[in-house]
Amino acid sequence: MNDLLLAVSTLCFVEHYGVSSDNAQVALNGGFEFYQDFLKDYGVDVSLEDFSDSLGSFLMGPAGFVSMINAMLNDMKQEEKDLARQFIADLKLKGNSSNSLVLYFQSIEKNL
């Protein structure tokens, strides 16, 4: 479950800060703490290194990253899916929701 919440946070982080491979380190330095605190509210303790690794995975293959999230969802119990749904709703309220973010979340939410 923690891996899923980290991955979903990574998607929001990318959209919120307009992250690309060229500016990823600058964005991490400026915005990681917001997502770290948000994840703590859900009982997920994430380090900068973990978040950076997740971000790197996304930047190397966004479509594959979303497919990985969907695969995680397929293996979850209903109560875990309910928590993921609540997490996504909370994160959408607090984050930035560009068109591509909405499309990513639509892909993920159809598996919830």
PDB file of N, CA and C in Angstrom:
ATOM      1  N   MET A   1       0.822  -1.192   0.000  1.00  0.00           N
ATOM      2  CA  MET A   1       0.000   0.000   0.000  1.00  0.00           C
ATOM      3  C   MET A   1       0.867   1.257   0.000  1.00  0.00           C
ATOM      4  N   ASN A   2       1.933   1.240   0.787  1.00  0.00           N
ATOM      5  CA  ASN A   2       2.817   2.398   0.838  1.00  0.00           C
ATOM      6  C   ASN A   2       3.408   2.712  -0.528  1.00  0.00           C
ATOM      7  N   ASP A   3       3.763   1.663  -1.288  1.00  0.00           N
ATOM      8  CA  ASP A   3       4.316   1.869  -2.627  1.00  0.00           C
ATOM      9  C   ASP A   3       3.302   2.554  -3.536  1.00  0.00           C
ATOM     10  N   LEU A   4       2.050   2.168  -3.403  1.00  0.00           N
ATOM     11  CA  LEU A   4       1.006   2.787  -4.212  1.00  0.00           C
ATOM     12  C   LEU A   4       0.856   4.265  -3.864  1.00  0.00           C
ATOM     13  N   LEU A   5       0.791   4.585  -2.591  1.00  0.00           N
ATOM     14  CA  LEU A   5       0.623   5.980  -2.182  1.00  0.00           C
ATOM     15  C   LEU A   5       1.821   6.819  -2.602  1.00  0.00           C
ATOM     16  N   LEU A   6       3.009   6.248  -2.528  1.00  0.00           N
ATOM     17  CA  LEU A   6       4.208   6.948  -2.993  1.00  0.00           C
ATOM     18  C   LEU A   6       4.121   7.198  -4.494  1.00  0.00           C
ATOM     19  N   ALA A   7       3.702   6.200  -5.251  1.00  0.00           N
ATOM     20  CA  ALA A   7       3.611   6.341  -6.707  1.00  0.00           C
ATOM     21  C   ALA A   7       2.578   7.395  -7.102  1.00  0.00           C
ATOM     22  N   VAL A   8       1.429   7.387  -6.447  1.00  0.00           N
ATOM     23  CA  VAL A   8       0.393   8.375  -6.747  1.00  0.00           C
ATOM     24  C   VAL A   8       0.885   9.774  -6.380  1.00  0.00           C
ATOM     25  N   SER A   9       1.584   9.901  -5.272  1.00  0.00           N
ATOM     26  CA  SER A   9       2.155  11.194  -4.883  1.00  0.00           C
ATOM     27  C   SER A   9       3.158  11.673  -5.917  1.00  0.00           C
ATOM     28  N   THR A  10       3.906  10.742  -6.463  1.00  0.00           N
ATOM     29  CA  THR A  10       4.885  11.092  -7.491  1.00  0.00           C
ATOM     30  C   THR A  10       4.188  11.702  -8.705  1.00  0.00           C
ATOM     31  N   LEU A  11       3.069  11.124  -9.111  1.00  0.00           N
ATOM     32  CA  LEU A  11       2.322  11.689 -10.241  1.00  0.00           C
ATOM     33  C   LEU A  11       1.919  13.134  -9.963  1.00  0.00           C
ATOM     34  N   CYS A  12       1.399  13.383  -8.778  1.00  0.00           N
ATOM     35  CA  CYS A  12       0.987  14.740  -8.423  1.00  0.00           C
ATOM     36  C   CYS A  12       2.175  15.684  -8.371  1.00  0.00           C
ATOM     37  N   PHE A  13       3.269  15.204  -7.823  1.00  0.00           N
ATOM     38  CA  PHE A  13       4.473  16.019  -7.721  1.00  0.00           C
ATOM     39  C   PHE A  13       4.934  16.456  -9.106  1.00  0.00           C
ATOM     40  N   VAL A  14       4.947  15.521 -10.047  1.00  0.00           N
ATOM     41  CA  VAL A  14       5.379  15.822 -11.414  1.00  0.00           C
ATOM     42  C   VAL A  14       4.513  16.925 -12.014  1.00  0.00           C
ATOM     43  N   GLU A  15       3.216  16.820 -11.840  1.00  0.00           N
ATOM     44  CA  GLU A  15       2.308  17.816 -12.396  1.00  0.00           C
ATOM     45  C   GLU A  15       2.375  19.138 -11.644  1.00  0.00           C
ATOM     46  N   HIS A  16       2.427  19.062 -10.336  1.00  0.00           N
ATOM     47  CA  HIS A  16       2.430  20.258  -9.501  1.00  0.00           C
ATOM     48  C   HIS A  16       3.629  21.147  -9.814  1.00  0.00           C
ATOM     49  N   TYR A  17       4.783  20.536 -10.001  1.00  0.00           N
ATOM     50  CA  TYR A  17       6.006  21.299 -10.214  1.00  0.00           C
ATOM     51  C   TYR A  17       6.481  21.295 -11.658  1.00  0.00           C
ATOM     52  N   GLY A  18       5.726  20.708 -12.571  1.00  0.00           N
ATOM     53  CA  GLY A  18       6.147  20.669 -13.963  1.00  0.00           C
ATOM     54  C   GLY A  18       7.490  19.988 -14.120  1.00  0.00           C
ATOM     55  N   VAL A  19       7.671  18.882 -13.444  1.00  0.00           N
ATOM     56  CA  VAL A  19       8.968  18.219 -13.373  1.00  0.00           C
ATOM     57  C   VAL A  19       9.307  17.546 -14.692  1.00  0.00           C
ATOM     58  N   SER A  20      10.557  17.742 -15.091  1.00  0.00           N
ATOM     59  CA  SER A  20      11.137  17.024 -16.221  1.00  0.00           C
ATOM     60  C   SER A  20      12.504  16.531 -15.771  1.00  0.00           C
ATOM     61  N   SER A  21      13.161  15.778 -16.618  1.00  0.00           N
ATOM     62  CA  SER A  21      14.490  15.285 -16.233  1.00  0.00           C
ATOM     63  C   SER A  21      15.472  16.436 -16.062  1.00  0.00           C
ATOM     64  N   ASP A  22      15.204  17.574 -16.699  1.00  0.00           N
ATOM     65  CA  ASP A  22      16.108  18.723 -16.600  1.00  0.00           C
ATOM     66  C   ASP A  22      16.007  19.456 -15.266  1.00  0.00           C
ATOM     67  N   ASN A  23      14.855  19.449 -14.640  1.00  0.00           N
ATOM     68  CA  ASN A  23      14.682  20.237 -13.414  1.00  0.00           C
ATOM     69  C   ASN A  23      14.262  19.407 -12.201  1.00  0.00           C
ATOM     70  N   ALA A  24      14.400  18.101 -12.285  1.00  0.00           N
ATOM     71  CA  ALA A  24      13.913  17.224 -11.213  1.00  0.00           C
ATOM     72  C   ALA A  24      14.563  17.527  -9.868  1.00  0.00           C
ATOM     73  N   GLN A  25      15.871  17.736  -9.849  1.00  0.00           N
ATOM     74  CA  GLN A  25      16.551  17.971  -8.575  1.00  0.00           C
ATOM     75  C   GLN A  25      16.107  19.280  -7.936  1.00  0.00           C
ATOM     76  N   VAL A  26      15.937  20.307  -8.741  1.00  0.00           N
ATOM     77  CA  VAL A  26      15.478  21.595  -8.221  1.00  0.00           C
ATOM     78  C   VAL A  26      14.072  21.450  -7.641  1.00  0.00           C
ATOM     79  N   ALA A  27      13.212  20.738  -8.350  1.00  0.00           N
ATOM     80  CA  ALA A  27      11.846  20.528  -7.861  1.00  0.00           C
ATOM     81  C   ALA A  27      11.844  19.736  -6.558  1.00  0.00           C
ATOM     82  N   LEU A  28      12.685  18.713  -6.476  1.00  0.00           N
ATOM     83  CA  LEU A  28      12.768  17.923  -5.239  1.00  0.00           C
ATOM     84  C   LEU A  28      13.187  18.796  -4.068  1.00  0.00           C
ATOM     85  N   ASN A  29      14.156  19.652  -4.296  1.00  0.00           N
ATOM     86  CA  ASN A  29      14.630  20.526  -3.223  1.00  0.00           C
ATOM     87  C   ASN A  29      13.542  21.490  -2.769  1.00  0.00           C
ATOM     88  N   GLY A  30      12.664  21.892  -3.687  1.00  0.00           N
ATOM     89  CA  GLY A  30      11.647  22.878  -3.350  1.00  0.00           C
ATOM     90  C   GLY A  30      10.312  22.319  -2.913  1.00  0.00           C
ATOM     91  N   GLY A  31       9.981  21.096  -3.302  1.00  0.00           N
ATOM     92  CA  GLY A  31       8.631  20.634  -3.058  1.00  0.00           C
ATOM     93  C   GLY A  31       8.468  19.310  -2.353  1.00  0.00           C
ATOM     94  N   PHE A  32       9.557  18.639  -2.073  1.00  0.00           N
ATOM     95  CA  PHE A  32       9.466  17.312  -1.466  1.00  0.00           C
ATOM     96  C   PHE A  32       8.773  17.340  -0.109  1.00  0.00           C
ATOM     97  N   GLU A  33       9.034  18.345   0.702  1.00  0.00           N
ATOM     98  CA  GLU A  33       8.505  18.373   2.070  1.00  0.00           C
ATOM     99  C   GLU A  33       6.975  18.361   2.110  1.00  0.00           C
ATOM    100  N   PHE A  34       6.324  19.054   1.168  1.00  0.00           N
ATOM    101  CA  PHE A  34       4.857  19.048   1.126  1.00  0.00           C
ATOM    102  C   PHE A  34       4.342  17.620   0.975  1.00  0.00           C
ATOM    103  N   TYR A  35       4.915  16.882   0.035  1.00  0.00           N
ATOM    104  CA  TYR A  35       4.462  15.515  -0.216  1.00  0.00           C
ATOM    105  C   TYR A  35       4.882  14.575   0.905  1.00  0.00           C
ATOM    106  N   GLN A  36       6.027  14.826   1.499  1.00  0.00           N
ATOM    107  CA  GLN A  36       6.469  14.014   2.630  1.00  0.00           C
ATOM    108  C   GLN A  36       5.475  14.161   3.784  1.00  0.00           C
ATOM    109  N   ASP A  37       5.078  15.388   4.078  1.00  0.00           N
ATOM    110  CA  ASP A  37       4.103  15.631   5.149  1.00  0.00           C
ATOM    111  C   ASP A  37       2.741  15.028   4.808  1.00  0.00           C
ATOM    112  N   PHE A  38       2.327  15.155   3.559  1.00  0.00           N
ATOM    113  CA  PHE A  38       1.042  14.592   3.138  1.00  0.00           C
ATOM    114  C   PHE A  38       1.043  13.078   3.308  1.00  0.00           C
ATOM    115  N   LEU A  39       2.121  12.429   2.916  1.00  0.00           N
ATOM    116  CA  LEU A  39       2.224  10.977   3.054  1.00  0.00           C
ATOM    117  C   LEU A  39       2.244  10.559   4.522  1.00  0.00           C
ATOM    118  N   LYS A  40       2.875  11.363   5.376  1.00  0.00           N
ATOM    119  CA  LYS A  40       2.898  11.049   6.813  1.00  0.00           C
ATOM    120  C   LYS A  40       1.490  10.997   7.386  1.00  0.00           C
ATOM    121  N   ASP A  41       0.606  11.861   6.866  1.00  0.00           N
ATOM    122  CA  ASP A  41      -0.790  11.848   7.321  1.00  0.00           C
ATOM    123  C   ASP A  41      -1.456  10.501   7.056  1.00  0.00           C
ATOM    124  N   TYR A  42      -0.934   9.752   6.105  1.00  0.00           N
ATOM    125  CA  TYR A  42      -1.460   8.428   5.765  1.00  0.00           C
ATOM    126  C   TYR A  42      -0.567   7.305   6.286  1.00  0.00           C
ATOM    127  N   GLY A  43       0.336   7.649   7.184  1.00  0.00           N
ATOM    128  CA  GLY A  43       1.178   6.636   7.811  1.00  0.00           C
ATOM    129  C   GLY A  43       2.326   6.142   6.956  1.00  0.00           C
ATOM    130  N   VAL A  44       2.693   6.909   5.933  1.00  0.00           N
ATOM    131  CA  VAL A  44       3.787   6.514   5.047  1.00  0.00           C
ATOM    132  C   VAL A  44       4.980   7.412   5.332  1.00  0.00           C
ATOM    133  N   ASP A  45       6.058   6.811   5.794  1.00  0.00           N
ATOM    134  CA  ASP A  45       7.286   7.551   6.061  1.00  0.00           C
ATOM    135  C   ASP A  45       8.197   7.381   4.853  1.00  0.00           C
ATOM    136  N   VAL A  46       8.418   8.455   4.118  1.00  0.00           N
ATOM    137  CA  VAL A  46       9.190   8.377   2.877  1.00  0.00           C
ATOM    138  C   VAL A  46      10.405   9.295   2.968  1.00  0.00           C
ATOM    139  N   SER A  47      11.531   8.788   2.512  1.00  0.00           N
ATOM    140  CA  SER A  47      12.759   9.582   2.500  1.00  0.00           C
ATOM    141  C   SER A  47      12.888  10.298   1.158  1.00  0.00           C
ATOM    142  N   LEU A  48      13.754  11.279   1.125  1.00  0.00           N
ATOM    143  CA  LEU A  48      14.034  11.982  -0.123  1.00  0.00           C
ATOM    144  C   LEU A  48      14.564  11.005  -1.169  1.00  0.00           C
ATOM    145  N   GLU A  49      15.372  10.063  -0.740  1.00  0.00           N
ATOM    146  CA  GLU A  49      15.926   9.069  -1.667  1.00  0.00           C
ATOM    147  C   GLU A  49      14.816   8.199  -2.271  1.00  0.00           C
ATOM    148  N   ASP A  50      13.881   7.742  -1.445  1.00  0.00           N
ATOM    149  CA  ASP A  50      12.753   6.942  -1.948  1.00  0.00           C
ATOM    150  C   ASP A  50      11.916   7.731  -2.950  1.00  0.00           C
ATOM    151  N   PHE A  51      11.650   8.984  -2.598  1.00  0.00           N
ATOM    152  CA  PHE A  51      10.830   9.820  -3.472  1.00  0.00           C
ATOM    153  C   PHE A  51      11.566  10.098  -4.775  1.00  0.00           C
ATOM    154  N   SER A  52      12.852  10.345  -4.675  1.00  0.00           N
ATOM    155  CA  SER A  52      13.679  10.580  -5.859  1.00  0.00           C
ATOM    156  C   SER A  52      13.703   9.353  -6.768  1.00  0.00           C
ATOM    157  N   ASP A  53      13.804   8.167  -6.176  1.00  0.00           N
ATOM    158  CA  ASP A  53      13.778   6.926  -6.964  1.00  0.00           C
ATOM    159  C   ASP A  53      12.438   6.766  -7.683  1.00  0.00           C
ATOM    160  N   SER A  54      11.354   7.064  -6.991  1.00  0.00           N
ATOM    161  CA  SER A  54      10.032   6.967  -7.596  1.00  0.00           C
ATOM    162  C   SER A  54       9.898   7.965  -8.746  1.00  0.00           C
ATOM    163  N   LEU A  55      10.386   9.162  -8.528  1.00  0.00           N
ATOM    164  CA  LEU A  55      10.360  10.189  -9.563  1.00  0.00           C
ATOM    165  C   LEU A  55      11.176   9.753 -10.778  1.00  0.00           C
ATOM    166  N   GLY A  56      12.343   9.182 -10.535  1.00  0.00           N
ATOM    167  CA  GLY A  56      13.178   8.692 -11.634  1.00  0.00           C
ATOM    168  C   GLY A  56      12.473   7.615 -12.439  1.00  0.00           C
ATOM    169  N   SER A  57      11.770   6.728 -11.760  1.00  0.00           N
ATOM    170  CA  SER A  57      11.015   5.677 -12.455  1.00  0.00           C
ATOM    171  C   SER A  57       9.941   6.278 -13.355  1.00  0.00           C
ATOM    172  N   PHE A  58       9.263   7.299 -12.850  1.00  0.00           N
ATOM    173  CA  PHE A  58       8.242   7.951 -13.669  1.00  0.00           C
ATOM    174  C   PHE A  58       8.868   8.617 -14.887  1.00  0.00           C
ATOM    175  N   LEU A  59       9.945   9.356 -14.676  1.00  0.00           N
ATOM    176  CA  LEU A  59      10.563  10.095 -15.776  1.00  0.00           C
ATOM    177  C   LEU A  59      11.112   9.166 -16.856  1.00  0.00           C
ATOM    178  N   MET A  60      11.502   7.958 -16.471  1.00  0.00           N
ATOM    179  CA  MET A  60      12.028   7.002 -17.446  1.00  0.00           C
ATOM    180  C   MET A  60      10.908   6.387 -18.291  1.00  0.00           C
ATOM    181  N   GLY A  61       9.697   6.363 -17.790  1.00  0.00           N
ATOM    182  CA  GLY A  61       8.599   5.765 -18.554  1.00  0.00           C
ATOM    183  C   GLY A  61       7.256   6.038 -17.933  1.00  0.00           C
ATOM    184  N   PRO A  62       6.650   7.196 -18.217  1.00  0.00           N
ATOM    185  CA  PRO A  62       5.375   7.552 -17.582  1.00  0.00           C
ATOM    186  C   PRO A  62       4.263   6.525 -17.782  1.00  0.00           C
ATOM    187  N   ALA A  63       4.100   6.018 -18.971  1.00  0.00           N
ATOM    188  CA  ALA A  63       3.021   5.054 -19.217  1.00  0.00           C
ATOM    189  C   ALA A  63       3.260   3.762 -18.441  1.00  0.00           C
ATOM    190  N   GLY A  64       4.493   3.309 -18.403  1.00  0.00           N
ATOM    191  CA  GLY A  64       4.826   2.109 -17.641  1.00  0.00           C
ATOM    192  C   GLY A  64       4.623   2.317 -16.149  1.00  0.00           C
ATOM    193  N   PHE A  65       4.881   3.531 -15.688  1.00  0.00           N
ATOM    194  CA  PHE A  65       4.697   3.870 -14.279  1.00  0.00           C
ATOM    195  C   PHE A  65       3.221   3.758 -13.903  1.00  0.00           C
ATOM    196  N   VAL A  66       2.347   4.294 -14.744  1.00  0.00           N
ATOM    197  CA  VAL A  66       0.908   4.210 -14.487  1.00  0.00           C
ATOM    198  C   VAL A  66       0.444   2.756 -14.584  1.00  0.00           C
ATOM    199  N   SER A  67       0.995   1.998 -15.508  1.00  0.00           N
ATOM    200  CA  SER A  67       0.660   0.569 -15.607  1.00  0.00           C
ATOM    201  C   SER A  67       1.057  -0.173 -14.339  1.00  0.00           C
ATOM    202  N   MET A  68       2.206   0.205 -13.763  1.00  0.00           N
ATOM    203  CA  MET A  68       2.657  -0.409 -12.514  1.00  0.00           C
ATOM    204  C   MET A  68       1.657  -0.119 -11.390  1.00  0.00           C
ATOM    205  N   ILE A  69       1.179   1.115 -11.328  1.00  0.00           N
ATOM    206  CA  ILE A  69       0.186   1.483 -10.317  1.00  0.00           C
ATOM    207  C   ILE A  69      -1.076   0.640 -10.502  1.00  0.00           C
ATOM    208  N   ASN A  70      -1.525   0.523 -11.732  1.00  0.00           N
ATOM    209  CA  ASN A  70      -2.733  -0.264 -12.002  1.00  0.00           C
ATOM    210  C   ASN A  70      -2.535  -1.729 -11.640  1.00  0.00           C
ATOM    211  N   ALA A  71      -1.347  -2.262 -11.857  1.00  0.00           N
ATOM    212  CA  ALA A  71      -1.062  -3.652 -11.474  1.00  0.00           C
ATOM    213  C   ALA A  71      -1.123  -3.806  -9.956  1.00  0.00           C
ATOM    214  N   MET A  72      -0.599  -2.818  -9.223  1.00  0.00           N
ATOM    215  CA  MET A  72      -0.679  -2.859  -7.759  1.00  0.00           C
ATOM    216  C   MET A  72      -2.137  -2.884  -7.309  1.00  0.00           C
ATOM    217  N   LEU A  73      -2.957  -2.075  -7.952  1.00  0.00           N
ATOM    218  CA  LEU A  73      -4.371  -2.003  -7.579  1.00  0.00           C
ATOM    219  C   LEU A  73      -5.085  -3.331  -7.788  1.00  0.00           C
ATOM    220  N   ASN A  74      -4.723  -4.029  -8.839  1.00  0.00           N
ATOM    221  CA  ASN A  74      -5.366  -5.315  -9.130  1.00  0.00           C
ATOM    222  C   ASN A  74      -5.123  -6.340  -8.030  1.00  0.00           C
ATOM    223  N   ASP A  75      -4.022  -6.192  -7.294  1.00  0.00           N
ATOM    224  CA  ASP A  75      -3.673  -7.140  -6.239  1.00  0.00           C
ATOM    225  C   ASP A  75      -4.183  -6.728  -4.860  1.00  0.00           C
ATOM    226  N   MET A  76      -4.891  -5.612  -4.768  1.00  0.00           N
ATOM    227  CA  MET A  76      -5.300  -5.089  -3.467  1.00  0.00           C
ATOM    228  C   MET A  76      -6.666  -5.589  -3.035  1.00  0.00           C
ATOM    229  N   LYS A  77      -6.830  -5.613  -1.723  1.00  0.00           N
ATOM    230  CA  LYS A  77      -8.134  -5.908  -1.125  1.00  0.00           C
ATOM    231  C   LYS A  77      -9.002  -4.654  -1.210  1.00  0.00           C
ATOM    232  N   GLN A  78     -10.296  -4.822  -1.043  1.00  0.00           N
ATOM    233  CA  GLN A  78     -11.218  -3.701  -1.197  1.00  0.00           C
ATOM    234  C   GLN A  78     -10.936  -2.571  -0.204  1.00  0.00           C
ATOM    235  N   GLU A  79     -10.610  -2.894   1.047  1.00  0.00           N
ATOM    236  CA  GLU A  79     -10.359  -1.811   2.016  1.00  0.00           C
ATOM    237  C   GLU A  79      -9.114  -1.009   1.650  1.00  0.00           C
ATOM    238  N   GLU A  80      -8.127  -1.659   1.032  1.00  0.00           N
ATOM    239  CA  GLU A  80      -6.946  -0.935   0.560  1.00  0.00           C
ATOM    240  C   GLU A  80      -7.310  -0.040  -0.623  1.00  0.00           C
ATOM    241  N   LYS A  81      -8.175  -0.531  -1.489  1.00  0.00           N
ATOM    242  CA  LYS A  81      -8.632   0.287  -2.613  1.00  0.00           C
ATOM    243  C   LYS A  81      -9.418   1.495  -2.114  1.00  0.00           C
ATOM    244  N   ASP A  82     -10.216   1.302  -1.071  1.00  0.00           N
ATOM    245  CA  ASP A  82     -10.977   2.414  -0.502  1.00  0.00           C
ATOM    246  C   ASP A  82     -10.039   3.480   0.063  1.00  0.00           C
ATOM    247  N   LEU A  83      -8.982   3.051   0.743  1.00  0.00           N
ATOM    248  CA  LEU A  83      -7.999   3.999   1.266  1.00  0.00           C
ATOM    249  C   LEU A  83      -7.294   4.719   0.121  1.00  0.00           C
ATOM    250  N   ALA A  84      -6.952   3.998  -0.920  1.00  0.00           N
ATOM    251  CA  ALA A  84      -6.307   4.611  -2.087  1.00  0.00           C
ATOM    252  C   ALA A  84      -7.232   5.639  -2.733  1.00  0.00           C
ATOM    253  N   ARG A  85      -8.506   5.314  -2.828  1.00  0.00           N
ATOM    254  CA  ARG A  85      -9.487   6.243  -3.406  1.00  0.00           C
ATOM    255  C   ARG A  85      -9.551   7.527  -2.576  1.00  0.00           C
ATOM    256  N   GLN A  86      -9.570   7.396  -1.243  1.00  0.00           N
ATOM    257  CA  GLN A  86      -9.604   8.568  -0.368  1.00  0.00           C
ATOM    258  C   GLN A  86      -8.325   9.384  -0.497  1.00  0.00           C
ATOM    259  N   PHE A  87      -7.191   8.698  -0.565  1.00  0.00           N
ATOM    260  CA  PHE A  87      -5.902   9.366  -0.717  1.00  0.00           C
ATOM    261  C   PHE A  87      -5.879  10.189  -2.004  1.00  0.00           C
ATOM    262  N   ILE A  88      -6.332   9.590  -3.096  1.00  0.00           N
ATOM    263  CA  ILE A  88      -6.353  10.289  -4.382  1.00  0.00           C
ATOM    264  C   ILE A  88      -7.273  11.504  -4.312  1.00  0.00           C
ATOM    265  N   ALA A  89      -8.430  11.357  -3.712  1.00  0.00           N
ATOM    266  CA  ALA A  89      -9.362  12.481  -3.587  1.00  0.00           C
ATOM    267  C   ALA A  89      -8.736  13.615  -2.786  1.00  0.00           C
ATOM    268  N   ASP A  90      -8.087  13.298  -1.681  1.00  0.00           N
ATOM    269  CA  ASP A  90      -7.431  14.320  -0.861  1.00  0.00           C
ATOM    270  C   ASP A  90      -6.299  14.996  -1.617  1.00  0.00           C
ATOM    271  N   LEU A  91      -5.517  14.203  -2.317  1.00  0.00           N
ATOM    272  CA  LEU A  91      -4.370  14.747  -3.043  1.00  0.00           C
ATOM    273  C   LEU A  91      -4.824  15.626  -4.204  1.00  0.00           C
ATOM    274  N   LYS A  92      -5.903  15.256  -4.861  1.00  0.00           N
ATOM    275  CA  LYS A  92      -6.427  16.075  -5.954  1.00  0.00           C
ATOM    276  C   LYS A  92      -6.908  17.427  -5.430  1.00  0.00           C
ATOM    277  N   LEU A  93      -7.448  17.445  -4.222  1.00  0.00           N
ATOM    278  CA  LEU A  93      -7.904  18.706  -3.638  1.00  0.00           C
ATOM    279  C   LEU A  93      -6.743  19.630  -3.306  1.00  0.00           C
ATOM    280  N   LYS A  94      -5.636  19.059  -2.870  1.00  0.00           N
ATOM    281  CA  LYS A  94      -4.509  19.865  -2.406  1.00  0.00           C
ATOM    282  C   LYS A  94      -3.477  20.137  -3.489  1.00  0.00           C
ATOM    283  N   GLY A  95      -3.481  19.328  -4.526  1.00  0.00           N
ATOM    284  CA  GLY A  95      -2.473  19.469  -5.569  1.00  0.00           C
ATOM    285  C   GLY A  95      -2.996  20.232  -6.766  1.00  0.00           C
ATOM    286  N   ASN A  96      -2.219  20.200  -7.795  1.00  0.00           N
ATOM    287  CA  ASN A  96      -2.552  20.837  -9.060  1.00  0.00           C
ATOM    288  C   ASN A  96      -3.165  19.772  -9.962  1.00  0.00           C
ATOM    289  N   SER A  97      -4.227  20.093 -10.674  1.00  0.00           N
ATOM    290  CA  SER A  97      -4.830  19.069 -11.529  1.00  0.00           C
ATOM    291  C   SER A  97      -4.846  19.519 -12.985  1.00  0.00           C
ATOM    292  N   SER A  98      -3.754  19.286 -13.668  1.00  0.00           N
ATOM    293  CA  SER A  98      -3.684  19.601 -15.089  1.00  0.00           C
ATOM    294  C   SER A  98      -4.376  18.498 -15.877  1.00  0.00           C
ATOM    295  N   ASN A  99      -4.509  18.703 -17.169  1.00  0.00           N
ATOM    296  CA  ASN A  99      -5.195  17.710 -18.005  1.00  0.00           C
ATOM    297  C   ASN A  99      -4.528  16.349 -17.959  1.00  0.00           C
ATOM    298  N   SER A 100      -3.198  16.307 -18.009  1.00  0.00           N
ATOM    299  CA  SER A 100      -2.538  15.000 -18.006  1.00  0.00           C
ATOM    300  C   SER A 100      -2.698  14.320 -16.657  1.00  0.00           C
ATOM    301  N   LEU A 101      -2.708  15.073 -15.582  1.00  0.00           N
ATOM    302  CA  LEU A 101      -2.928  14.482 -14.263  1.00  0.00           C
ATOM    303  C   LEU A 101      -4.316  13.858 -14.198  1.00  0.00           C
ATOM    304  N   VAL A 102      -5.298  14.552 -14.709  1.00  0.00           N
ATOM    305  CA  VAL A 102      -6.659  14.027 -14.709  1.00  0.00           C
ATOM    306  C   VAL A 102      -6.716  12.722 -15.498  1.00  0.00           C
ATOM    307  N   LEU A 103      -6.039  12.664 -16.635  1.00  0.00           N
ATOM    308  CA  LEU A 103      -6.031  11.438 -17.439  1.00  0.00           C
ATOM    309  C   LEU A 103      -5.348  10.296 -16.703  1.00  0.00           C
ATOM    310  N   TYR A 104      -4.237  10.576 -16.034  1.00  0.00           N
ATOM    311  CA  TYR A 104      -3.560   9.539 -15.246  1.00  0.00           C
ATOM    312  C   TYR A 104      -4.496   9.005 -14.170  1.00  0.00           C
ATOM    313  N   PHE A 105      -5.149   9.914 -13.456  1.00  0.00           N
ATOM    314  CA  PHE A 105      -6.020   9.485 -12.373  1.00  0.00           C
ATOM    315  C   PHE A 105      -7.247   8.739 -12.892  1.00  0.00           C
ATOM    316  N   GLN A 106      -7.756   9.128 -14.055  1.00  0.00           N
ATOM    317  CA  GLN A 106      -8.882   8.381 -14.627  1.00  0.00           C
ATOM    318  C   GLN A 106      -8.474   6.943 -14.902  1.00  0.00           C
ATOM    319  N   SER A 107      -7.270   6.765 -15.412  1.00  0.00           N
ATOM    320  CA  SER A 107      -6.766   5.419 -15.679  1.00  0.00           C
ATOM    321  C   SER A 107      -6.656   4.617 -14.387  1.00  0.00           C
ATOM    322  N   ILE A 108      -6.163   5.249 -13.347  1.00  0.00           N
ATOM    323  CA  ILE A 108      -5.980   4.574 -12.060  1.00  0.00           C
ATOM    324  C   ILE A 108      -7.329   4.310 -11.387  1.00  0.00           C
ATOM    325  N   GLU A 109      -8.185   5.332 -11.361  1.00  0.00           N
ATOM    326  CA  GLU A 109      -9.452   5.214 -10.638  1.00  0.00           C
ATOM    327  C   GLU A 109     -10.387   4.168 -11.238  1.00  0.00           C
ATOM    328  N   LYS A 110     -10.280   3.897 -12.525  1.00  0.00           N
ATOM    329  CA  LYS A 110     -11.163   2.873 -13.101  1.00  0.00           C
ATOM    330  C   LYS A 110     -10.837   1.491 -12.534  1.00  0.00           C
ATOM    331  N   ASN A 111      -9.642   1.325 -11.961  1.00  0.00           N
ATOM    332  CA  ASN A 111      -9.268   0.058 -11.333  1.00  0.00           C
ATOM    333  C   ASN A 111      -9.613   0.009  -9.849  1.00  0.00           C
ATOM    334  N   LEU A 112     -10.128   1.097  -9.319  1.00  0.00           N
ATOM    335  CA  LEU A 112     -10.539   1.115  -7.919  1.00  0.00           C
ATOM    336  C   LEU A 112     -11.970   0.643  -7.836  1.00  0.00           C
TER     337      LEU A 112
END
